[in-house]
């Protein structure tokens, strides 16, 4: 199995657990004289089984990420960390540019003092564009590697 397939299975299992959780909560209590919508105990057992297989899958994915080398050097785990930090950096720079541009602020009346930008908005937007491009490039390499790498046992 390829790493990308395992990642898809992980996402499916995570969604399944969330669906089961919601069904368990909806069936955990019922009114006297009524029948519960579903057997909450059976759903709880089923969720345990899905979680056990999810844990095994996550362990295999993490082992694979730590050992697979990227073309540019470093492990897949290194590339994932790089992408995560780039996303955070992009969010900070974008938020700074938005705040400096006055987005999200309240309305200003003529009698109020004029608000000035403490940051160079155009430069921040350009920096955000560069970061977005770098995120896309790293993401493409990660996706390529996911489809090339075999999942470890």
N, C-alpha and C. Protein backbone atom coordinates (compact mmCIF):
# COMPACT_ATOMS: atom_id res chain seq x y z
N UNK A 1 0.85 -1.17 0.00
CA UNK A 1 0.00 0.00 0.00
C UNK A 1 0.89 1.24 0.00
N UNK A 2 0.50 2.22 -0.78
CA UNK A 2 1.23 3.49 -0.82
C UNK A 2 0.84 4.34 0.38
N UNK A 3 1.74 5.23 0.75
CA UNK A 3 1.50 6.12 1.88
C UNK A 3 0.24 6.95 1.65
N UNK A 4 0.04 7.43 0.44
CA UNK A 4 -1.14 8.25 0.13
C UNK A 4 -2.43 7.48 0.39
N UNK A 5 -2.44 6.20 0.06
CA UNK A 5 -3.63 5.37 0.32
C UNK A 5 -3.88 5.25 1.82
N UNK A 6 -2.81 5.08 2.58
CA UNK A 6 -2.93 4.99 4.04
C UNK A 6 -3.46 6.29 4.62
N UNK A 7 -3.02 7.41 4.07
CA UNK A 7 -3.52 8.71 4.55
C UNK A 7 -5.01 8.85 4.27
N UNK A 8 -5.46 8.35 3.15
CA UNK A 8 -6.89 8.37 2.83
C UNK A 8 -7.67 7.49 3.79
N UNK A 9 -7.11 6.31 4.08
CA UNK A 9 -7.76 5.42 5.03
C UNK A 9 -7.81 6.04 6.42
N UNK A 10 -6.74 6.75 6.80
CA UNK A 10 -6.72 7.43 8.11
C UNK A 10 -7.84 8.47 8.18
N UNK A 11 -7.98 9.26 7.13
CA UNK A 11 -9.03 10.28 7.10
C UNK A 11 -10.42 9.63 7.16
N UNK A 12 -10.61 8.54 6.44
CA UNK A 12 -11.90 7.84 6.47
C UNK A 12 -12.19 7.29 7.86
N UNK A 13 -11.18 6.70 8.50
CA UNK A 13 -11.36 6.14 9.84
C UNK A 13 -11.66 7.24 10.85
N UNK A 14 -11.00 8.37 10.71
CA UNK A 14 -11.25 9.50 11.61
C UNK A 14 -12.68 9.99 11.46
N UNK A 15 -13.15 10.11 10.23
CA UNK A 15 -14.55 10.51 10.00
C UNK A 15 -15.51 9.47 10.58
N UNK A 16 -15.18 8.20 10.40
CA UNK A 16 -16.04 7.12 10.91
C UNK A 16 -16.14 7.19 12.44
N UNK A 17 -15.03 7.43 13.10
CA UNK A 17 -15.04 7.55 14.56
C UNK A 17 -15.92 8.72 14.99
N UNK A 18 -15.81 9.82 14.30
CA UNK A 18 -16.63 10.99 14.64
C UNK A 18 -18.11 10.70 14.43
N UNK A 19 -18.45 10.01 13.36
CA UNK A 19 -19.84 9.63 13.12
C UNK A 19 -20.36 8.69 14.21
N UNK A 20 -19.53 7.71 14.57
CA UNK A 20 -19.92 6.79 15.64
C UNK A 20 -20.08 7.52 16.96
N UNK A 21 -19.18 8.45 17.25
CA UNK A 21 -19.27 9.23 18.49
C UNK A 21 -20.62 9.96 18.56
N UNK A 22 -20.99 10.60 17.45
CA UNK A 22 -22.26 11.34 17.41
C UNK A 22 -23.45 10.39 17.59
N UNK A 23 -23.38 9.21 17.00
CA UNK A 23 -24.46 8.25 17.14
C UNK A 23 -24.54 7.69 18.56
N UNK A 24 -23.38 7.48 19.18
CA UNK A 24 -23.34 7.01 20.57
C UNK A 24 -23.97 8.04 21.48
N UNK A 25 -23.57 9.28 21.32
CA UNK A 25 -24.12 10.36 22.15
C UNK A 25 -25.62 10.46 21.97
N UNK A 26 -26.09 10.32 20.74
CA UNK A 26 -27.52 10.40 20.46
C UNK A 26 -28.32 9.23 20.99
N UNK A 27 -27.65 8.12 21.29
CA UNK A 27 -28.35 6.92 21.74
C UNK A 27 -28.03 6.56 23.19
N UNK A 28 -27.18 7.30 23.84
CA UNK A 28 -26.73 6.96 25.19
C UNK A 28 -27.84 7.08 26.24
N UNK A 29 -28.78 7.96 26.02
CA UNK A 29 -29.91 8.15 26.95
C UNK A 29 -31.20 8.17 26.14
N UNK A 30 -32.21 7.63 26.75
CA UNK A 30 -33.52 7.66 26.10
C UNK A 30 -34.60 7.72 27.17
N UNK A 31 -35.76 8.13 26.77
CA UNK A 31 -36.87 8.32 27.70
C UNK A 31 -37.49 6.97 28.06
N UNK A 32 -37.86 6.86 29.32
CA UNK A 32 -38.51 5.64 29.78
C UNK A 32 -39.73 5.34 28.92
N UNK A 33 -39.86 4.09 28.54
CA UNK A 33 -40.99 3.69 27.70
C UNK A 33 -40.70 3.81 26.21
N UNK A 34 -39.61 4.41 25.88
CA UNK A 34 -39.20 4.56 24.47
C UNK A 34 -38.10 3.53 24.17
N UNK A 35 -37.81 3.39 22.91
CA UNK A 35 -36.71 2.53 22.48
C UNK A 35 -35.59 3.44 21.98
N UNK A 36 -34.35 3.19 22.42
CA UNK A 36 -33.26 4.05 21.93
C UNK A 36 -33.11 3.91 20.41
N UNK A 37 -32.69 4.97 19.75
CA UNK A 37 -32.55 4.91 18.28
C UNK A 37 -31.60 3.81 17.82
N UNK A 38 -30.51 3.60 18.59
CA UNK A 38 -29.53 2.57 18.24
C UNK A 38 -28.97 1.97 19.52
N UNK A 39 -28.32 0.83 19.41
CA UNK A 39 -27.68 0.18 20.54
C UNK A 39 -26.35 0.88 20.81
N UNK A 40 -26.33 1.74 21.81
CA UNK A 40 -25.14 2.55 22.12
C UNK A 40 -23.96 1.66 22.51
N UNK A 41 -24.21 0.56 23.21
CA UNK A 41 -23.12 -0.34 23.62
C UNK A 41 -22.46 -0.97 22.39
N UNK A 42 -23.27 -1.39 21.42
CA UNK A 42 -22.72 -1.98 20.20
C UNK A 42 -21.91 -0.93 19.43
N UNK A 43 -22.43 0.30 19.36
CA UNK A 43 -21.71 1.37 18.68
C UNK A 43 -20.39 1.68 19.38
N UNK A 44 -20.38 1.59 20.69
CA UNK A 44 -19.16 1.84 21.46
C UNK A 44 -18.11 0.78 21.16
N UNK A 45 -18.54 -0.48 21.07
CA UNK A 45 -17.63 -1.56 20.70
C UNK A 45 -17.08 -1.34 19.29
N UNK A 46 -17.96 -0.97 18.38
CA UNK A 46 -17.54 -0.71 17.00
C UNK A 46 -16.54 0.43 16.93
N UNK A 47 -16.79 1.49 17.69
CA UNK A 47 -15.85 2.61 17.69
C UNK A 47 -14.49 2.18 18.23
N UNK A 48 -14.49 1.31 19.24
CA UNK A 48 -13.23 0.79 19.77
C UNK A 48 -12.44 0.03 18.73
N UNK A 49 -13.12 -0.76 17.92
CA UNK A 49 -12.46 -1.52 16.86
C UNK A 49 -11.87 -0.59 15.81
N UNK A 50 -12.64 0.42 15.41
CA UNK A 50 -12.15 1.39 14.42
C UNK A 50 -10.96 2.15 14.98
N UNK A 51 -11.03 2.52 16.26
CA UNK A 51 -9.91 3.25 16.88
C UNK A 51 -8.66 2.39 16.99
N UNK A 52 -8.82 1.11 17.27
CA UNK A 52 -7.66 0.21 17.32
C UNK A 52 -6.96 0.14 15.96
N UNK A 53 -7.74 -0.01 14.91
CA UNK A 53 -7.13 -0.08 13.57
C UNK A 53 -6.57 1.28 13.17
N UNK A 54 -7.22 2.36 13.61
CA UNK A 54 -6.70 3.70 13.32
C UNK A 54 -5.35 3.90 13.99
N UNK A 55 -5.22 3.46 15.23
CA UNK A 55 -3.94 3.60 15.94
C UNK A 55 -2.83 2.87 15.21
N UNK A 56 -3.11 1.66 14.77
CA UNK A 56 -2.12 0.88 14.02
C UNK A 56 -1.73 1.59 12.73
N UNK A 57 -2.71 2.11 12.04
CA UNK A 57 -2.45 2.82 10.79
C UNK A 57 -1.61 4.08 11.03
N UNK A 58 -1.95 4.84 12.07
CA UNK A 58 -1.19 6.06 12.38
C UNK A 58 0.25 5.71 12.73
N UNK A 59 0.47 4.64 13.47
CA UNK A 59 1.84 4.22 13.80
C UNK A 59 2.63 3.92 12.53
N UNK A 60 2.02 3.21 11.60
CA UNK A 60 2.69 2.87 10.34
C UNK A 60 2.98 4.13 9.52
N UNK A 61 2.02 5.05 9.49
CA UNK A 61 2.21 6.30 8.75
C UNK A 61 3.36 7.09 9.37
N UNK A 62 3.38 7.21 10.68
CA UNK A 62 4.44 7.96 11.34
C UNK A 62 5.81 7.32 11.13
N UNK A 63 5.88 5.98 11.20
CA UNK A 63 7.15 5.29 10.92
C UNK A 63 7.62 5.57 9.50
N UNK A 64 6.69 5.52 8.57
CA UNK A 64 7.02 5.77 7.17
C UNK A 64 7.49 7.21 6.98
N UNK A 65 6.76 8.17 7.55
CA UNK A 65 7.13 9.58 7.42
C UNK A 65 8.54 9.84 7.97
N UNK A 66 8.90 9.16 9.03
CA UNK A 66 10.20 9.40 9.66
C UNK A 66 11.35 8.79 8.87
N UNK A 67 11.07 7.76 8.06
CA UNK A 67 12.16 7.08 7.36
C UNK A 67 12.27 7.43 5.88
N UNK A 68 11.19 7.89 5.27
CA UNK A 68 11.22 8.20 3.83
C UNK A 68 12.00 9.50 3.61
N UNK A 69 12.94 9.44 2.71
CA UNK A 69 13.75 10.62 2.37
C UNK A 69 13.13 11.36 1.19
N UNK A 70 13.13 12.68 1.29
CA UNK A 70 12.63 13.53 0.21
C UNK A 70 13.74 13.72 -0.82
N UNK A 71 13.38 14.07 -2.04
CA UNK A 71 14.37 14.31 -3.10
C UNK A 71 15.34 15.43 -2.74
N UNK A 72 14.83 16.47 -2.11
CA UNK A 72 15.68 17.61 -1.77
C UNK A 72 16.48 17.41 -0.49
N UNK A 73 16.33 16.25 0.14
CA UNK A 73 17.01 15.98 1.39
C UNK A 73 16.06 16.11 2.57
N UNK A 74 16.37 15.42 3.62
CA UNK A 74 15.53 15.43 4.80
C UNK A 74 14.42 14.41 4.68
N UNK A 75 13.82 14.10 5.81
CA UNK A 75 12.74 13.12 5.83
C UNK A 75 11.41 13.76 5.48
N UNK A 76 10.45 12.92 5.24
CA UNK A 76 9.09 13.40 5.00
C UNK A 76 8.57 14.14 6.23
N UNK A 77 8.95 13.67 7.41
CA UNK A 77 8.56 14.35 8.65
C UNK A 77 9.11 15.77 8.67
N UNK A 78 10.35 15.93 8.20
CA UNK A 78 10.95 17.28 8.13
C UNK A 78 10.14 18.17 7.19
N UNK A 79 9.73 17.62 6.06
CA UNK A 79 8.96 18.40 5.09
C UNK A 79 7.58 18.77 5.66
N UNK A 80 6.97 17.86 6.41
CA UNK A 80 5.68 18.16 7.02
C UNK A 80 5.81 19.27 8.06
N UNK A 81 6.89 19.23 8.83
CA UNK A 81 7.13 20.29 9.81
C UNK A 81 7.36 21.62 9.11
N UNK A 82 8.10 21.60 8.02
CA UNK A 82 8.36 22.81 7.24
C UNK A 82 7.05 23.40 6.73
N UNK A 83 6.20 22.55 6.16
CA UNK A 83 4.92 23.02 5.63
C UNK A 83 4.04 23.60 6.74
N UNK A 84 4.00 22.93 7.89
CA UNK A 84 3.18 23.43 9.00
C UNK A 84 3.65 24.81 9.45
N UNK A 85 4.96 24.99 9.56
CA UNK A 85 5.49 26.29 10.00
C UNK A 85 5.26 27.35 8.93
N UNK A 86 5.42 26.99 7.67
CA UNK A 86 5.13 27.94 6.59
C UNK A 86 3.68 28.41 6.64
N UNK A 87 2.77 27.48 6.91
CA UNK A 87 1.35 27.85 7.00
C UNK A 87 1.11 28.82 8.15
N UNK A 88 1.74 28.54 9.30
CA UNK A 88 1.61 29.45 10.44
C UNK A 88 2.21 30.82 10.13
N UNK A 89 3.38 30.81 9.50
CA UNK A 89 4.05 32.07 9.13
C UNK A 89 3.17 32.87 8.17
N UNK A 90 2.58 32.18 7.19
CA UNK A 90 1.69 32.83 6.23
C UNK A 90 0.49 33.44 6.94
N UNK A 91 -0.08 32.71 7.90
CA UNK A 91 -1.24 33.22 8.64
C UNK A 91 -0.88 34.47 9.44
N UNK A 92 0.30 34.48 10.04
CA UNK A 92 0.73 35.65 10.83
C UNK A 92 0.94 36.86 9.92
N UNK A 93 1.64 36.65 8.81
CA UNK A 93 1.93 37.76 7.89
C UNK A 93 0.63 38.30 7.28
N UNK A 94 -0.27 37.40 6.90
CA UNK A 94 -1.55 37.82 6.32
C UNK A 94 -2.38 38.59 7.34
N UNK A 95 -2.41 38.10 8.58
CA UNK A 95 -3.16 38.79 9.63
C UNK A 95 -2.56 40.17 9.90
N UNK A 96 -1.24 40.26 9.88
CA UNK A 96 -0.58 41.56 10.09
C UNK A 96 -0.93 42.52 8.98
N UNK A 97 -0.91 42.04 7.74
CA UNK A 97 -1.25 42.90 6.60
C UNK A 97 -2.70 43.35 6.68
N UNK A 98 -3.59 42.42 7.02
CA UNK A 98 -5.01 42.77 7.14
C UNK A 98 -5.23 43.81 8.23
N UNK A 99 -4.58 43.62 9.37
CA UNK A 99 -4.73 44.57 10.48
C UNK A 99 -4.17 45.94 10.10
N UNK A 100 -3.01 45.94 9.45
CA UNK A 100 -2.40 47.21 9.06
C UNK A 100 -3.23 47.93 8.00
N UNK A 101 -3.92 47.16 7.18
CA UNK A 101 -4.77 47.74 6.14
C UNK A 101 -6.12 48.21 6.70
N UNK A 102 -6.39 47.86 7.95
CA UNK A 102 -7.63 48.30 8.57
C UNK A 102 -8.78 47.35 8.40
N UNK A 103 -8.52 46.14 7.93
CA UNK A 103 -9.58 45.16 7.77
C UNK A 103 -10.00 44.64 9.13
N UNK A 104 -11.27 44.46 9.29
CA UNK A 104 -11.79 43.92 10.53
C UNK A 104 -11.99 44.97 11.60
N UNK A 105 -11.60 46.18 11.33
CA UNK A 105 -11.78 47.24 12.32
C UNK A 105 -13.18 47.81 12.24
N UNK A 106 -13.51 48.59 13.23
CA UNK A 106 -14.83 49.22 13.25
C UNK A 106 -14.87 50.41 12.30
N UNK A 107 -16.05 50.96 12.17
CA UNK A 107 -16.22 52.13 11.32
C UNK A 107 -15.59 53.34 11.99
N UNK A 108 -15.07 54.22 11.16
CA UNK A 108 -14.42 55.42 11.69
C UNK A 108 -15.27 56.64 11.37
N UNK A 109 -15.54 57.43 12.39
CA UNK A 109 -16.29 58.66 12.20
C UNK A 109 -15.33 59.80 11.90
N UNK A 110 -15.85 60.84 11.29
CA UNK A 110 -15.00 62.00 10.95
C UNK A 110 -14.40 62.65 12.19
N UNK A 111 -15.12 62.57 13.30
CA UNK A 111 -14.64 63.22 14.52
C UNK A 111 -13.53 62.42 15.22
N UNK A 112 -13.33 61.18 14.79
CA UNK A 112 -12.30 60.35 15.41
C UNK A 112 -10.93 60.68 14.83
N UNK A 113 -9.91 60.27 15.58
CA UNK A 113 -8.55 60.45 15.10
C UNK A 113 -8.29 59.50 13.94
N UNK A 114 -7.44 59.93 13.05
CA UNK A 114 -7.11 59.13 11.88
C UNK A 114 -6.21 57.97 12.30
N UNK A 115 -6.51 56.77 11.78
CA UNK A 115 -5.72 55.59 12.08
C UNK A 115 -4.64 55.43 11.02
N UNK A 116 -3.42 55.18 11.45
CA UNK A 116 -2.28 55.01 10.56
C UNK A 116 -1.77 53.57 10.63
N UNK A 117 -1.20 53.12 9.54
CA UNK A 117 -0.63 51.78 9.49
C UNK A 117 0.77 51.80 10.08
N UNK A 118 1.04 50.86 10.98
CA UNK A 118 2.36 50.74 11.58
C UNK A 118 3.24 49.77 10.79
N UNK A 119 2.66 49.13 9.78
CA UNK A 119 3.38 48.12 9.00
C UNK A 119 3.22 48.40 7.52
N UNK A 120 4.22 48.01 6.71
CA UNK A 120 4.14 48.20 5.25
C UNK A 120 3.25 47.12 4.61
N UNK A 121 2.01 47.46 4.34
CA UNK A 121 1.02 46.49 3.86
C UNK A 121 1.45 45.83 2.56
N UNK A 122 1.93 46.60 1.60
CA UNK A 122 2.31 46.04 0.30
C UNK A 122 3.45 45.02 0.46
N UNK A 123 4.41 45.34 1.29
CA UNK A 123 5.52 44.41 1.51
C UNK A 123 5.04 43.13 2.19
N UNK A 124 4.14 43.27 3.14
CA UNK A 124 3.60 42.10 3.81
C UNK A 124 2.80 41.22 2.85
N UNK A 125 2.03 41.86 1.97
CA UNK A 125 1.27 41.09 0.97
C UNK A 125 2.23 40.34 0.03
N UNK A 126 3.30 41.00 -0.37
CA UNK A 126 4.29 40.35 -1.24
C UNK A 126 4.94 39.17 -0.51
N UNK A 127 5.25 39.36 0.76
CA UNK A 127 5.84 38.30 1.56
C UNK A 127 4.86 37.13 1.70
N UNK A 128 3.59 37.45 1.91
CA UNK A 128 2.56 36.41 2.02
C UNK A 128 2.44 35.62 0.71
N UNK A 129 2.55 36.32 -0.42
CA UNK A 129 2.49 35.64 -1.72
C UNK A 129 3.66 34.67 -1.88
N UNK A 130 4.86 35.09 -1.48
CA UNK A 130 6.03 34.22 -1.55
C UNK A 130 5.87 33.00 -0.65
N UNK A 131 5.35 33.23 0.54
CA UNK A 131 5.13 32.12 1.47
C UNK A 131 4.10 31.15 0.91
N UNK A 132 3.04 31.68 0.31
CA UNK A 132 2.01 30.83 -0.27
C UNK A 132 2.60 29.96 -1.39
N UNK A 133 3.45 30.55 -2.21
CA UNK A 133 4.10 29.78 -3.27
C UNK A 133 4.98 28.68 -2.68
N UNK A 134 5.73 29.01 -1.64
CA UNK A 134 6.60 28.02 -1.01
C UNK A 134 5.78 26.89 -0.38
N UNK A 135 4.65 27.23 0.21
CA UNK A 135 3.76 26.21 0.78
C UNK A 135 3.29 25.26 -0.32
N UNK A 136 2.88 25.83 -1.45
CA UNK A 136 2.42 24.99 -2.56
C UNK A 136 3.53 24.07 -3.06
N UNK A 137 4.74 24.60 -3.17
CA UNK A 137 5.87 23.79 -3.66
C UNK A 137 6.19 22.65 -2.70
N UNK A 138 6.23 22.95 -1.41
CA UNK A 138 6.50 21.90 -0.42
C UNK A 138 5.37 20.88 -0.44
N UNK A 139 4.14 21.35 -0.55
CA UNK A 139 2.99 20.45 -0.56
C UNK A 139 3.03 19.52 -1.77
N UNK A 140 3.41 20.03 -2.92
CA UNK A 140 3.52 19.20 -4.12
C UNK A 140 4.55 18.09 -3.92
N UNK A 141 5.69 18.44 -3.31
CA UNK A 141 6.72 17.44 -3.05
C UNK A 141 6.23 16.39 -2.04
N UNK A 142 5.51 16.84 -1.05
CA UNK A 142 4.96 15.90 -0.06
C UNK A 142 3.96 14.96 -0.73
N UNK A 143 3.07 15.51 -1.55
CA UNK A 143 2.07 14.67 -2.23
C UNK A 143 2.75 13.68 -3.17
N UNK A 144 3.76 14.13 -3.91
CA UNK A 144 4.49 13.24 -4.81
C UNK A 144 5.10 12.09 -4.02
N UNK A 145 5.73 12.43 -2.91
CA UNK A 145 6.36 11.41 -2.08
C UNK A 145 5.32 10.46 -1.50
N UNK A 146 4.17 10.98 -1.11
CA UNK A 146 3.11 10.12 -0.57
C UNK A 146 2.68 9.05 -1.57
N UNK A 147 2.66 9.41 -2.85
CA UNK A 147 2.24 8.45 -3.87
C UNK A 147 3.37 7.53 -4.31
N UNK A 148 4.61 7.87 -3.99
CA UNK A 148 5.74 7.03 -4.37
C UNK A 148 6.16 6.08 -3.24
N UNK A 149 5.99 6.50 -2.01
CA UNK A 149 6.49 5.74 -0.87
C UNK A 149 5.54 4.61 -0.48
N UNK A 150 6.12 3.46 -0.19
CA UNK A 150 5.33 2.35 0.31
C UNK A 150 5.21 2.46 1.83
N UNK A 151 4.04 2.13 2.34
CA UNK A 151 3.78 2.19 3.77
C UNK A 151 4.58 1.10 4.47
N UNK A 152 5.28 1.44 5.53
CA UNK A 152 6.04 0.46 6.30
C UNK A 152 5.11 -0.32 7.22
N UNK A 153 5.56 -1.50 7.60
CA UNK A 153 4.77 -2.31 8.55
C UNK A 153 4.96 -1.85 9.97
